[in-house]
C-alpha atoms as a PDB file:
ATOM      1  CA  MET A   1       0.000   0.000   0.000  1.00  0.00           C
ATOM      2  CA  LEU A   2       1.276   3.437  -0.889  1.00  0.00           C
ATOM      3  CA  ILE A   3       1.317   6.110   1.788  1.00  0.00           C
ATOM      4  CA  THR A   4       0.164   9.625   0.964  1.00  0.00           C
ATOM      5  CA  ASP A   5       2.414  12.653   1.335  1.00  0.00           C
ATOM      6  CA  THR A   6       0.315  13.955   4.221  1.00  0.00           C
ATOM      7  CA  ASN A   7       0.474  10.671   6.116  1.00  0.00           C
ATOM      8  CA  LEU A   8       4.210  10.435   5.491  1.00  0.00           C
ATOM      9  CA  LEU A   9       4.711  13.948   6.860  1.00  0.00           C
ATOM     10  CA  GLU A  10       2.661  13.159   9.970  1.00  0.00           C
ATOM     11  CA  ALA A  11       4.551   9.916  10.541  1.00  0.00           C
ATOM     12  CA  SER A  12       7.972  11.486  10.021  1.00  0.00           C
ATOM     13  CA  ILE A  13       7.195  14.215  12.568  1.00  0.00           C
ATOM     14  CA  ALA A  14       6.108  11.564  15.085  1.00  0.00           C
ATOM     15  CA  ILE A  15       9.275   9.509  14.469  1.00  0.00           C
ATOM     16  CA  ALA A  16      11.594  12.532  14.668  1.00  0.00           C
ATOM     17  CA  ASN A  17      10.040  13.678  17.946  1.00  0.00           C
ATOM     18  CA  ASN A  18       9.707  10.190  19.452  1.00  0.00           C
ATOM     19  CA  LEU A  19       5.916  10.551  19.643  1.00  0.00           C
ATOM     20  CA  VAL A  20       3.112   7.994  19.411  1.00  0.00           C
ATOM     21  CA  LEU A  21       0.835   8.455  16.412  1.00  0.00           C
ATOM     22  CA  VAL A  22      -2.842   8.062  17.338  1.00  0.00           C
ATOM     23  CA  THR A  23      -4.943   7.028  14.348  1.00  0.00           C
ATOM     24  CA  LYS A  24      -7.917   4.938  13.287  1.00  0.00           C
ATOM     25  CA  ASN A  25      -6.130   4.118   9.998  1.00  0.00           C
ATOM     26  CA  ILE A  26      -3.474   1.766  11.313  1.00  0.00           C
ATOM     27  CA  LYS A  27      -3.179   0.031   7.921  1.00  0.00           C
ATOM     28  CA  HIS A  28      -1.950   3.293   6.364  1.00  0.00           C
ATOM     29  CA  PHE A  29       0.945   3.605   8.813  1.00  0.00           C
ATOM     30  CA  LYS A  30       1.800  -0.031   9.647  1.00  0.00           C
ATOM     31  CA  ILE A  31       4.605  -0.163   7.053  1.00  0.00           C
ATOM     32  CA  LEU A  32       6.450   2.660   8.841  1.00  0.00           C
ATOM     33  CA  GLU A  33       6.798   0.802  12.148  1.00  0.00           C
ATOM     34  CA  GLU A  34      10.100  -0.624  10.908  1.00  0.00           C
ATOM     35  CA  PHE A  35      11.436   2.952  10.869  1.00  0.00           C
ATOM     36  CA  GLY A  36      10.503   3.556  14.496  1.00  0.00           C
ATOM     37  CA  LEU A  37       6.917   4.765  14.223  1.00  0.00           C
ATOM     38  CA  LYS A  38       4.836   3.938  17.287  1.00  0.00           C
ATOM     39  CA  ILE A  39       1.111   3.581  16.585  1.00  0.00           C
ATOM     40  CA  LEU A  40      -1.742   3.599  19.056  1.00  0.00           C
END
């Protein structure tokens, strides 16, 4: 699944600031967990 630019920006900010991303669309962000994204 491709990730949109907006979702990628949100995820990169969360990763860079060591934050947990809260979302209902886990499937959109799941691929980025290997880069350190924490999803709730």
